[in-house]
Structures are given as structure tokens and as C-alpha cells.
């Protein structure tokens, strides 16, 4: 079913809870692709009932970002959710979630000051605000996110811990296209030439992972190798290339002794793409 109001969601969840059902939740901004579908299918497999949200959240976009042009096709998204076995899709209007005189913000310090947070001021405040609302409305047992948005996963886990939300935050592996490009709704913005050039992201990260698996422990060298490989692509414009601690997201200097996140953000034309790998030294997560 397609639901537009908060009260409808709460009434449905109350009924499911009375039946003793576990509830999975997959928050999305729509323009669903195989990455989203993998999250939806995992949620369906691991829970009695599943709700997905389709909401292009205005508070996480900066003034010069693509809120107005972000792809929207609720009928296609709803059909994909149904095909994955989702029980309900919450698709509110902005006015349903945000009052005109709202005065509350949600800010996670530290984790939001680096990587995409440093490049997109206020972005994670908007993410945390909308997820706080959605967690309160849906009251899920588990919420599912993609590892491609690794910083978001870390931020949401910290927020959930600090605010005592009773939800398990589950990160699922990155889903990639045949050539290795991480699936993203923003891939639709790429020209054919830009899309071919963007394959350098996974290529450079895969080589970094191979180097670390072979024993390389210098964060500086890994950072430099990834940056040099991406910079060699004429259509690529680097926003950042970082090797950070997997837990606190602080840049790693010198040898890597704990799990690390190798993260990149790169422009191809006007489209900004992110990608990452996690390694370390005994742990590896793609």
C-alpha cells in the first residue's frame, strides 16, 4: 500500500506490533535502482513486515545542489517496492514532515566534520533530522542502508546510540554495475563518456585494496596512489580522497593499525559521485 500521512503509518505499525511482527525499514529518496532493491529484499527476508520511505528530503540539500532536479517517479518506485515484497511505502509531502515554524535540529559532532560533511555543510544535519522523524514514525526494529554511503552509516549509528533509538542499523555491501561503478541515482546524470570515465573510481579503490591485502600499511601511500590514478582521468575532478579510521572517520597518518575506510568523492562534469572500500588489517568489507 502507498501511504501519505504520518497517522496512517503509525496506525499500521501499531497493528503490526499487536500481532508481534518485527518491522524492517528502508529509507530512500526514490529513483530506486538495484542497490535499493538489494536493501529491500534483505529487509523482507529478515523481518515480518517491511516499510520503505520514498521522500526527497529538502533539508539535506545545499542551496546550489540538485534538490529541484533530483529524479522523482513514485509510480515506478512503488512498483519496484511491491516487486521486492515490501508491505507499505511511505511517500509524504514535505509539508507532512516539516512544519513551517520548526525549531529543532539534530547534529552529530565530529563524524560530520570530515569527508562529505566538510564539503557539504549542513547535509548530515538534514539527514539526521529526517531519520529522527522517520524512526519515530515507523518505530522499526531494523533499518537498512548501503555501505556506499559509509559516512552516513557511521553518523546514523552514532545518532541511534546517543539518542537511544531502539533500531538496529544494518549496512549492506555496495551494489555495482557490470563495469564496477557503484550504483547511484545520480548515475543517471552522467553522459556516456562521463560514465565510462567514472569507472576509474572502482578501479583505483580495487588496486588500493589489493595493495593493502598484499601488506601495504602506509595510509599516505594508499591515499596518494588512489588520488594519482583518479587524477590521470581527464574527465575526473577530485573533491576528496581520504584514508580514515573506520570508527571515528578521522584521517589516518602513517601506518594503518586499525580498520580503515578509503573514501573518494569525484566530479564528472557536474555530477558528484562517491565510493569506498573498507580494509583492515584483519578485516575486509567491500
C-alpha atoms as a PDB file:
ATOM      1  CA  UNK A   1       0.000   0.000   0.000  1.00  0.00           C
ATOM      2  CA  UNK A   2       1.055   3.601  -0.659  1.00  0.00           C
ATOM      3  CA  UNK A   3       0.737   5.814   2.426  1.00  0.00           C
ATOM      4  CA  UNK A   4       0.891   9.601   2.509  1.00  0.00           C
ATOM      5  CA  UNK A   5       0.332  10.558   6.151  1.00  0.00           C
ATOM      6  CA  UNK A   6       2.127  10.035   9.449  1.00  0.00           C
ATOM      7  CA  UNK A   7      -1.024   8.884  11.210  1.00  0.00           C
ATOM      8  CA  UNK A   8      -1.652   6.155   8.625  1.00  0.00           C
ATOM      9  CA  UNK A   9       1.861   4.803   9.145  1.00  0.00           C
ATOM     10  CA  UNK A  10       1.538   4.866  12.924  1.00  0.00           C
ATOM     11  CA  UNK A  11      -1.820   3.108  12.820  1.00  0.00           C
ATOM     12  CA  UNK A  12      -0.431   0.395  10.550  1.00  0.00           C
ATOM     13  CA  UNK A  13       2.649  -0.102  12.711  1.00  0.00           C
ATOM     14  CA  UNK A  14       0.539  -0.307  15.870  1.00  0.00           C
ATOM     15  CA  UNK A  15      -1.477  -3.115  14.302  1.00  0.00           C
ATOM     16  CA  UNK A  16       1.648  -4.970  13.224  1.00  0.00           C
ATOM     17  CA  UNK A  17       3.173  -4.599  16.684  1.00  0.00           C
ATOM     18  CA  UNK A  18      -0.011  -6.002  18.249  1.00  0.00           C
ATOM     19  CA  UNK A  19       0.465  -9.055  16.037  1.00  0.00           C
ATOM     20  CA  UNK A  20       4.026  -9.452  17.312  1.00  0.00           C
ATOM     21  CA  UNK A  21       5.597  -8.656  13.941  1.00  0.00           C
ATOM     22  CA  UNK A  22       9.166  -7.491  13.504  1.00  0.00           C
ATOM     23  CA  UNK A  23       9.459  -4.429  11.280  1.00  0.00           C
ATOM     24  CA  UNK A  24      12.175  -3.590   8.790  1.00  0.00           C
ATOM     25  CA  UNK A  25      12.570  -0.096   7.353  1.00  0.00           C
ATOM     26  CA  UNK A  26      14.384   1.085   4.222  1.00  0.00           C
ATOM     27  CA  UNK A  27      14.569   4.887   3.922  1.00  0.00           C
ATOM     28  CA  UNK A  28      15.130   6.113   0.347  1.00  0.00           C
ATOM     29  CA  UNK A  29      14.878   9.252  -1.732  1.00  0.00           C
ATOM     30  CA  UNK A  30      13.389   7.291  -4.625  1.00  0.00           C
ATOM     31  CA  UNK A  31      14.867   6.829  -8.114  1.00  0.00           C
ATOM     32  CA  UNK A  32      15.282   3.237  -6.993  1.00  0.00           C
ATOM     33  CA  UNK A  33      17.949   1.008  -8.544  1.00  0.00           C
ATOM     34  CA  UNK A  34      19.486  -2.410  -7.885  1.00  0.00           C
ATOM     35  CA  UNK A  35      21.279  -1.101  -4.798  1.00  0.00           C
ATOM     36  CA  UNK A  36      17.965  -0.121  -3.225  1.00  0.00           C
ATOM     37  CA  UNK A  37      16.369  -3.389  -4.314  1.00  0.00           C
ATOM     38  CA  UNK A  38      19.077  -5.382  -2.547  1.00  0.00           C
ATOM     39  CA  UNK A  39      18.262  -3.497   0.678  1.00  0.00           C
ATOM     40  CA  UNK A  40      14.534  -4.035   0.224  1.00  0.00           C
ATOM     41  CA  UNK A  41      14.964  -7.762  -0.421  1.00  0.00           C
ATOM     42  CA  UNK A  42      17.261  -8.138   2.593  1.00  0.00           C
ATOM     43  CA  UNK A  43      14.726  -6.339   4.781  1.00  0.00           C
ATOM     44  CA  UNK A  44      11.914  -8.574   3.503  1.00  0.00           C
ATOM     45  CA  UNK A  45      13.995 -11.690   4.207  1.00  0.00           C
ATOM     46  CA  UNK A  46      14.860 -10.625   7.765  1.00  0.00           C
ATOM     47  CA  UNK A  47      11.567  -9.133   9.019  1.00  0.00           C
ATOM     48  CA  UNK A  48       7.873  -9.978   9.232  1.00  0.00           C
ATOM     49  CA  UNK A  49       6.794  -6.635   7.765  1.00  0.00           C
ATOM     50  CA  UNK A  50       8.710  -4.002   5.786  1.00  0.00           C
ATOM     51  CA  UNK A  51       8.116  -0.306   5.183  1.00  0.00           C
ATOM     52  CA  UNK A  52      10.086   1.727   2.665  1.00  0.00           C
ATOM     53  CA  UNK A  53      10.003   5.501   2.539  1.00  0.00           C
ATOM     54  CA  UNK A  54      10.310   7.461  -0.687  1.00  0.00           C
ATOM     55  CA  UNK A  55      10.988  11.074   0.208  1.00  0.00           C
ATOM     56  CA  UNK A  56      13.343  13.588  -1.401  1.00  0.00           C
ATOM     57  CA  UNK A  57      14.407  15.316   1.789  1.00  0.00           C
ATOM     58  CA  UNK A  58      14.876  19.073   1.276  1.00  0.00           C
ATOM     59  CA  UNK A  59      16.866  19.663   4.461  1.00  0.00           C
ATOM     60  CA  UNK A  60      19.862  17.611   3.311  1.00  0.00           C
ATOM     61  CA  UNK A  61      20.409  19.577   0.096  1.00  0.00           C
ATOM     62  CA  UNK A  62      22.576  22.685  -0.028  1.00  0.00           C
ATOM     63  CA  UNK A  63      21.422  25.896  -1.783  1.00  0.00           C
ATOM     64  CA  UNK A  64      23.288  25.072  -5.012  1.00  0.00           C
ATOM     65  CA  UNK A  65      22.602  21.333  -5.062  1.00  0.00           C
ATOM     66  CA  UNK A  66      20.152  19.274  -7.117  1.00  0.00           C
ATOM     67  CA  UNK A  67      17.010  19.192  -4.948  1.00  0.00           C
ATOM     68  CA  UNK A  68      14.731  20.578  -7.661  1.00  0.00           C
ATOM     69  CA  UNK A  69      16.104  18.303 -10.390  1.00  0.00           C
ATOM     70  CA  UNK A  70      16.532  15.150  -8.283  1.00  0.00           C
ATOM     71  CA  UNK A  71      14.718  12.342 -10.168  1.00  0.00           C
ATOM     72  CA  UNK A  72      11.196  11.610  -8.960  1.00  0.00           C
ATOM     73  CA  UNK A  73       8.965   8.786 -10.243  1.00  0.00           C
ATOM     74  CA  UNK A  74       6.816   7.462  -7.431  1.00  0.00           C
ATOM     75  CA  UNK A  75       4.819   5.044  -9.591  1.00  0.00           C
ATOM     76  CA  UNK A  76       7.954   3.254 -10.796  1.00  0.00           C
ATOM     77  CA  UNK A  77       9.425   3.300  -7.286  1.00  0.00           C
ATOM     78  CA  UNK A  78       6.206   1.930  -5.802  1.00  0.00           C
ATOM     79  CA  UNK A  79       6.086  -0.883  -8.367  1.00  0.00           C
ATOM     80  CA  UNK A  80       9.701  -1.834  -7.588  1.00  0.00           C
ATOM     81  CA  UNK A  81       8.943  -1.885  -3.861  1.00  0.00           C
ATOM     82  CA  UNK A  82       5.950  -4.136  -4.483  1.00  0.00           C
ATOM     83  CA  UNK A  83       8.051  -6.473  -6.632  1.00  0.00           C
ATOM     84  CA  UNK A  84      10.553  -6.777  -3.761  1.00  0.00           C
ATOM     85  CA  UNK A  85       7.801  -7.798  -1.339  1.00  0.00           C
ATOM     86  CA  UNK A  86       7.569  -4.530   0.632  1.00  0.00           C
ATOM     87  CA  UNK A  87       4.333  -4.225   2.599  1.00  0.00           C
ATOM     88  CA  UNK A  88       3.963  -0.424   2.631  1.00  0.00           C
ATOM     89  CA  UNK A  89       5.584   2.630   1.057  1.00  0.00           C
ATOM     90  CA  UNK A  90       5.514   5.937   2.942  1.00  0.00           C
ATOM     91  CA  UNK A  91       5.560   8.823   0.452  1.00  0.00           C
ATOM     92  CA  UNK A  92       4.782  12.055   2.324  1.00  0.00           C
ATOM     93  CA  UNK A  93       4.756  15.588   1.006  1.00  0.00           C
ATOM     94  CA  UNK A  94       7.377  17.851   2.616  1.00  0.00           C
ATOM     95  CA  UNK A  95       4.614  19.659   4.499  1.00  0.00           C
ATOM     96  CA  UNK A  96       3.646  16.385   6.198  1.00  0.00           C
ATOM     97  CA  UNK A  97       7.070  16.043   7.826  1.00  0.00           C
ATOM     98  CA  UNK A  98       8.171  19.659   8.230  1.00  0.00           C
ATOM     99  CA  UNK A  99       6.153  22.334   9.997  1.00  0.00           C
ATOM    100  CA  UNK A 100       6.741  25.902   8.762  1.00  0.00           C
ATOM    101  CA  UNK A 101       7.821  27.145  12.210  1.00  0.00           C
ATOM    102  CA  UNK A 102      10.010  24.168  13.178  1.00  0.00           C
ATOM    103  CA  UNK A 103      12.816  24.953  15.611  1.00  0.00           C
ATOM    104  CA  UNK A 104      14.538  21.601  16.229  1.00  0.00           C
ATOM    105  CA  UNK A 105      17.750  20.360  14.656  1.00  0.00           C
ATOM    106  CA  UNK A 106      19.798  17.172  15.081  1.00  0.00           C
ATOM    107  CA  UNK A 107      23.568  17.466  14.875  1.00  0.00           C
ATOM    108  CA  UNK A 108      26.188  14.744  15.379  1.00  0.00           C
ATOM    109  CA  UNK A 109      29.531  16.349  16.170  1.00  0.00           C
ATOM    110  CA  UNK A 110      32.869  15.048  14.958  1.00  0.00           C
ATOM    111  CA  UNK A 111      31.694  12.455  12.464  1.00  0.00           C
ATOM    112  CA  UNK A 112      30.019  15.124  10.327  1.00  0.00           C
ATOM    113  CA  UNK A 113      33.011  17.468  10.146  1.00  0.00           C
ATOM    114  CA  UNK A 114      35.016  15.349   7.669  1.00  0.00           C
ATOM    115  CA  UNK A 115      34.627  13.778   4.198  1.00  0.00           C
ATOM    116  CA  UNK A 116      31.240  14.713   2.686  1.00  0.00           C
ATOM    117  CA  UNK A 117      30.293  16.618   5.839  1.00  0.00           C
ATOM    118  CA  UNK A 118      33.192  19.022   5.323  1.00  0.00           C
ATOM    119  CA  UNK A 119      32.278  19.500   1.667  1.00  0.00           C
ATOM    120  CA  UNK A 120      28.504  19.756   2.164  1.00  0.00           C
ATOM    121  CA  UNK A 121      27.892  21.824   5.322  1.00  0.00           C
ATOM    122  CA  UNK A 122      24.563  21.005   6.945  1.00  0.00           C
ATOM    123  CA  UNK A 123      23.981  17.904   4.836  1.00  0.00           C
ATOM    124  CA  UNK A 124      24.161  15.425   7.710  1.00  0.00           C
ATOM    125  CA  UNK A 125      22.083  17.670   9.958  1.00  0.00           C
ATOM    126  CA  UNK A 126      19.323  17.266   7.366  1.00  0.00           C
ATOM    127  CA  UNK A 127      19.892  13.512   7.169  1.00  0.00           C
ATOM    128  CA  UNK A 128      19.758  13.128  10.951  1.00  0.00           C
ATOM    129  CA  UNK A 129      16.679  15.326  11.253  1.00  0.00           C
ATOM    130  CA  UNK A 130      14.640  13.391   8.708  1.00  0.00           C
ATOM    131  CA  UNK A 131      15.789   9.995  10.001  1.00  0.00           C
ATOM    132  CA  UNK A 132      14.927  11.002  13.566  1.00  0.00           C
ATOM    133  CA  UNK A 133      11.432  11.790  12.336  1.00  0.00           C
ATOM    134  CA  UNK A 134      11.134   8.606  10.299  1.00  0.00           C
ATOM    135  CA  UNK A 135      12.447   6.370  13.097  1.00  0.00           C
ATOM    136  CA  UNK A 136       9.925   7.984  15.454  1.00  0.00           C
ATOM    137  CA  UNK A 137       7.068   7.489  12.979  1.00  0.00           C
ATOM    138  CA  UNK A 138       7.883   3.964  11.772  1.00  0.00           C
ATOM    139  CA  UNK A 139       9.379   2.595  15.023  1.00  0.00           C
ATOM    140  CA  UNK A 140      11.294  -0.141  13.163  1.00  0.00           C
ATOM    141  CA  UNK A 141      13.328  -2.967  14.632  1.00  0.00           C
ATOM    142  CA  UNK A 142      15.905  -2.747  11.834  1.00  0.00           C
ATOM    143  CA  UNK A 143      16.834  -0.028   9.327  1.00  0.00           C
ATOM    144  CA  UNK A 144      18.840  -0.777   6.195  1.00  0.00           C
ATOM    145  CA  UNK A 145      21.458   1.398   4.492  1.00  0.00           C
ATOM    146  CA  UNK A 146      24.012   0.884   1.736  1.00  0.00           C
ATOM    147  CA  UNK A 147      27.729   0.778   2.529  1.00  0.00           C
ATOM    148  CA  UNK A 148      28.332   3.149  -0.401  1.00  0.00           C
ATOM    149  CA  UNK A 149      27.180   5.911   1.942  1.00  0.00           C
ATOM    150  CA  UNK A 150      29.697   4.829   4.581  1.00  0.00           C
ATOM    151  CA  UNK A 151      29.839   8.168   6.381  1.00  0.00           C
ATOM    152  CA  UNK A 152      26.054   8.267   6.590  1.00  0.00           C
ATOM    153  CA  UNK A 153      26.041   4.798   8.140  1.00  0.00           C
ATOM    154  CA  UNK A 154      28.593   5.872  10.770  1.00  0.00           C
ATOM    155  CA  UNK A 155      26.673   9.053  11.556  1.00  0.00           C
ATOM    156  CA  UNK A 156      23.311   7.281  11.823  1.00  0.00           C
ATOM    157  CA  UNK A 157      24.748   4.590  14.078  1.00  0.00           C
ATOM    158  CA  UNK A 158      26.144   7.229  16.416  1.00  0.00           C
ATOM    159  CA  UNK A 159      22.860   9.147  16.448  1.00  0.00           C
ATOM    160  CA  UNK A 160      20.890   5.974  17.170  1.00  0.00           C
ATOM    161  CA  UNK A 161      23.244   5.096  20.012  1.00  0.00           C
ATOM    162  CA  UNK A 162      23.288   8.577  21.523  1.00  0.00           C
ATOM    163  CA  UNK A 163      19.516   9.137  21.292  1.00  0.00           C
ATOM    164  CA  UNK A 164      18.581   5.594  22.377  1.00  0.00           C
ATOM    165  CA  UNK A 165      16.537   4.742  19.296  1.00  0.00           C
ATOM    166  CA  UNK A 166      15.585   1.086  19.538  1.00  0.00           C
ATOM    167  CA  UNK A 167      16.627   0.258  15.989  1.00  0.00           C
ATOM    168  CA  UNK A 168      19.468  -1.855  14.616  1.00  0.00           C
ATOM    169  CA  UNK A 169      21.278  -0.017  11.791  1.00  0.00           C
ATOM    170  CA  UNK A 170      22.322  -2.560   9.165  1.00  0.00           C
ATOM    171  CA  UNK A 171      24.818  -1.728   6.404  1.00  0.00           C
ATOM    172  CA  UNK A 172      24.719  -3.826   3.244  1.00  0.00           C
ATOM    173  CA  UNK A 173      27.539  -4.248   0.702  1.00  0.00           C
ATOM    174  CA  UNK A 174      27.888  -1.861  -2.231  1.00  0.00           C
ATOM    175  CA  UNK A 175      25.986  -2.968  -5.336  1.00  0.00           C
ATOM    176  CA  UNK A 176      27.872  -2.256  -8.553  1.00  0.00           C
ATOM    177  CA  UNK A 177      27.059  -2.105 -12.241  1.00  0.00           C
ATOM    178  CA  UNK A 178      28.735  -4.557 -14.626  1.00  0.00           C
ATOM    179  CA  UNK A 179      31.745  -2.284 -15.107  1.00  0.00           C
ATOM    180  CA  UNK A 180      32.231  -1.755 -11.378  1.00  0.00           C
ATOM    181  CA  UNK A 181      30.577   1.657 -10.978  1.00  0.00           C
ATOM    182  CA  UNK A 182      28.722   1.854  -7.658  1.00  0.00           C
ATOM    183  CA  UNK A 183      25.003   2.112  -8.317  1.00  0.00           C
ATOM    184  CA  UNK A 184      23.610   5.559  -7.539  1.00  0.00           C
ATOM    185  CA  UNK A 185      20.546   7.557  -8.519  1.00  0.00           C
ATOM    186  CA  UNK A 186      22.925  10.275  -9.692  1.00  0.00           C
ATOM    187  CA  UNK A 187      24.470   7.947 -12.297  1.00  0.00           C
ATOM    188  CA  UNK A 188      21.516   8.960 -14.479  1.00  0.00           C
ATOM    189  CA  UNK A 189      23.060  12.428 -14.791  1.00  0.00           C
ATOM    190  CA  UNK A 190      26.223  11.089 -16.460  1.00  0.00           C
ATOM    191  CA  UNK A 191      26.832  11.230 -20.193  1.00  0.00           C
ATOM    192  CA  UNK A 192      28.105   8.034 -21.804  1.00  0.00           C
ATOM    193  CA  UNK A 193      31.623   9.471 -21.842  1.00  0.00           C
ATOM    194  CA  UNK A 194      31.429  10.532 -18.184  1.00  0.00           C
ATOM    195  CA  UNK A 195      30.063   7.151 -17.150  1.00  0.00           C
ATOM    196  CA  UNK A 196      32.977   5.391 -18.826  1.00  0.00           C
ATOM    197  CA  UNK A 197      35.407   7.771 -17.121  1.00  0.00           C
ATOM    198  CA  UNK A 198      33.775   7.146 -13.726  1.00  0.00           C
ATOM    199  CA  UNK A 199      34.922   3.523 -13.813  1.00  0.00           C
ATOM    200  CA  UNK A 200      38.257   4.883 -12.565  1.00  0.00           C
ATOM    201  CA  UNK A 201      36.737   5.097  -9.069  1.00  0.00           C
ATOM    202  CA  UNK A 202      36.291   1.378  -8.520  1.00  0.00           C
ATOM    203  CA  UNK A 203      39.468   0.637 -10.446  1.00  0.00           C
ATOM    204  CA  UNK A 204      41.595   2.829  -8.186  1.00  0.00           C
ATOM    205  CA  UNK A 205      39.919   1.584  -4.999  1.00  0.00           C
ATOM    206  CA  UNK A 206      40.303  -2.050  -6.069  1.00  0.00           C
ATOM    207  CA  UNK A 207      44.012  -1.507  -6.609  1.00  0.00           C
ATOM    208  CA  UNK A 208      44.270   0.112  -3.187  1.00  0.00           C
ATOM    209  CA  UNK A 209      42.523  -2.880  -1.634  1.00  0.00           C
ATOM    210  CA  UNK A 210      44.893  -5.248  -3.418  1.00  0.00           C
ATOM    211  CA  UNK A 211      47.891  -3.275  -2.141  1.00  0.00           C
ATOM    212  CA  UNK A 212      46.605  -3.406   1.441  1.00  0.00           C
ATOM    213  CA  UNK A 213      45.852  -7.120   1.146  1.00  0.00           C
ATOM    214  CA  UNK A 214      49.436  -7.586  -0.033  1.00  0.00           C
ATOM    215  CA  UNK A 215      50.770  -5.914   3.095  1.00  0.00           C
ATOM    216  CA  UNK A 216      50.884  -2.182   2.376  1.00  0.00           C
ATOM    217  CA  UNK A 217      50.131  -0.273   5.600  1.00  0.00           C
ATOM    218  CA  UNK A 218      51.082   3.329   4.725  1.00  0.00           C
ATOM    219  CA  UNK A 219      47.917   5.407   4.664  1.00  0.00           C
ATOM    220  CA  UNK A 220      49.782   8.242   2.953  1.00  0.00           C
ATOM    221  CA  UNK A 221      50.953   5.983   0.139  1.00  0.00           C
ATOM    222  CA  UNK A 222      47.472   4.475  -0.388  1.00  0.00           C
ATOM    223  CA  UNK A 223      45.921   7.944  -0.418  1.00  0.00           C
ATOM    224  CA  UNK A 224      48.458   9.191  -2.947  1.00  0.00           C
ATOM    225  CA  UNK A 225      48.112   6.135  -5.206  1.00  0.00           C
ATOM    226  CA  UNK A 226      44.317   6.440  -5.363  1.00  0.00           C
ATOM    227  CA  UNK A 227      44.476  10.199  -5.994  1.00  0.00           C
ATOM    228  CA  UNK A 228      47.097   9.822  -8.735  1.00  0.00           C
ATOM    229  CA  UNK A 229      45.093   7.154 -10.555  1.00  0.00           C
ATOM    230  CA  UNK A 230      41.894   9.215 -10.463  1.00  0.00           C
ATOM    231  CA  UNK A 231      43.694  12.429 -11.461  1.00  0.00           C
ATOM    232  CA  UNK A 232      45.035  10.668 -14.549  1.00  0.00           C
ATOM    233  CA  UNK A 233      41.450  10.510 -15.882  1.00  0.00           C
ATOM    234  CA  UNK A 234      40.878  13.795 -17.781  1.00  0.00           C
ATOM    235  CA  UNK A 235      37.141  13.980 -17.001  1.00  0.00           C
ATOM    236  CA  UNK A 236      37.622  13.450 -13.261  1.00  0.00           C
ATOM    237  CA  UNK A 237      37.770  16.367 -10.810  1.00  0.00           C
ATOM    238  CA  UNK A 238      38.660  15.200  -7.298  1.00  0.00           C
ATOM    239  CA  UNK A 239      36.656  16.561  -4.379  1.00  0.00           C
ATOM    240  CA  UNK A 240      38.483  14.409  -1.839  1.00  0.00           C
ATOM    241  CA  UNK A 241      40.483  11.207  -1.476  1.00  0.00           C
ATOM    242  CA  UNK A 242      40.890  10.129   2.153  1.00  0.00           C
ATOM    243  CA  UNK A 243      42.026   7.214   4.286  1.00  0.00           C
ATOM    244  CA  UNK A 244      40.188   7.494   7.599  1.00  0.00           C
ATOM    245  CA  UNK A 245      39.638   5.419  10.717  1.00  0.00           C
ATOM    246  CA  UNK A 246      36.614   3.188  10.176  1.00  0.00           C
ATOM    247  CA  UNK A 247      35.102   4.087  13.563  1.00  0.00           C
ATOM    248  CA  UNK A 248      35.664   7.823  14.069  1.00  0.00           C
ATOM    249  CA  UNK A 249      36.339   8.835  10.425  1.00  0.00           C
ATOM    250  CA  UNK A 250      39.454  10.817  11.359  1.00  0.00           C
ATOM    251  CA  UNK A 251      42.258  10.893   8.742  1.00  0.00           C
ATOM    252  CA  UNK A 252      44.913   8.243   9.296  1.00  0.00           C
ATOM    253  CA  UNK A 253      48.513   9.439   9.218  1.00  0.00           C
ATOM    254  CA  UNK A 254      51.358   6.941   8.998  1.00  0.00           C
ATOM    255  CA  UNK A 255      50.807   3.191   9.361  1.00  0.00           C
ATOM    256  CA  UNK A 256      47.332   1.650   9.422  1.00  0.00           C
ATOM    257  CA  UNK A 257      46.856  -0.337  12.624  1.00  0.00           C
ATOM    258  CA  UNK A 258      43.040  -0.360  12.781  1.00  0.00           C
ATOM    259  CA  UNK A 259      40.271  -0.884  10.185  1.00  0.00           C
ATOM    260  CA  UNK A 260      40.233   1.966   7.679  1.00  0.00           C
ATOM    261  CA  UNK A 261      37.818   3.443   5.176  1.00  0.00           C
ATOM    262  CA  UNK A 262      39.326   4.531   1.860  1.00  0.00           C
ATOM    263  CA  UNK A 263      36.762   7.042   0.567  1.00  0.00           C
ATOM    264  CA  UNK A 264      36.570   9.185  -2.541  1.00  0.00           C
ATOM    265  CA  UNK A 265      34.283  11.901  -3.895  1.00  0.00           C
ATOM    266  CA  UNK A 266      34.849  12.937  -7.506  1.00  0.00           C
ATOM    267  CA  UNK A 267      33.052  15.154 -10.006  1.00  0.00           C
ATOM    268  CA  UNK A 268      32.436  14.018 -13.564  1.00  0.00           C
ATOM    269  CA  UNK A 269      31.018  17.077 -15.255  1.00  0.00           C
ATOM    270  CA  UNK A 270      28.579  18.472 -12.701  1.00  0.00           C
ATOM    271  CA  UNK A 271      27.814  15.063 -11.164  1.00  0.00           C
ATOM    272  CA  UNK A 272      29.471  14.235  -7.845  1.00  0.00           C
ATOM    273  CA  UNK A 273      29.961  10.516  -7.152  1.00  0.00           C
ATOM    274  CA  UNK A 274      31.213   8.791  -4.007  1.00  0.00           C
ATOM    275  CA  UNK A 275      32.710   5.346  -3.489  1.00  0.00           C
ATOM    276  CA  UNK A 276      34.766   3.493  -0.881  1.00  0.00           C
ATOM    277  CA  UNK A 277      36.355   0.289   0.349  1.00  0.00           C
ATOM    278  CA  UNK A 278      36.939  -0.841   3.921  1.00  0.00           C
ATOM    279  CA  UNK A 279      40.021  -2.766   4.985  1.00  0.00           C
ATOM    280  CA  UNK A 280      41.688  -3.886   7.939  1.00  0.00           C
ATOM    281  CA  UNK A 281      44.312  -5.340   8.695  1.00  0.00           C
ATOM    282  CA  UNK A 282      42.354  -8.491   9.655  1.00  0.00           C
ATOM    283  CA  UNK A 283      39.009  -7.166   8.406  1.00  0.00           C
ATOM    284  CA  UNK A 284      37.866  -6.672   4.863  1.00  0.00           C
ATOM    285  CA  UNK A 285      34.433  -5.398   3.825  1.00  0.00           C
ATOM    286  CA  UNK A 286      33.532  -4.456   0.257  1.00  0.00           C
END
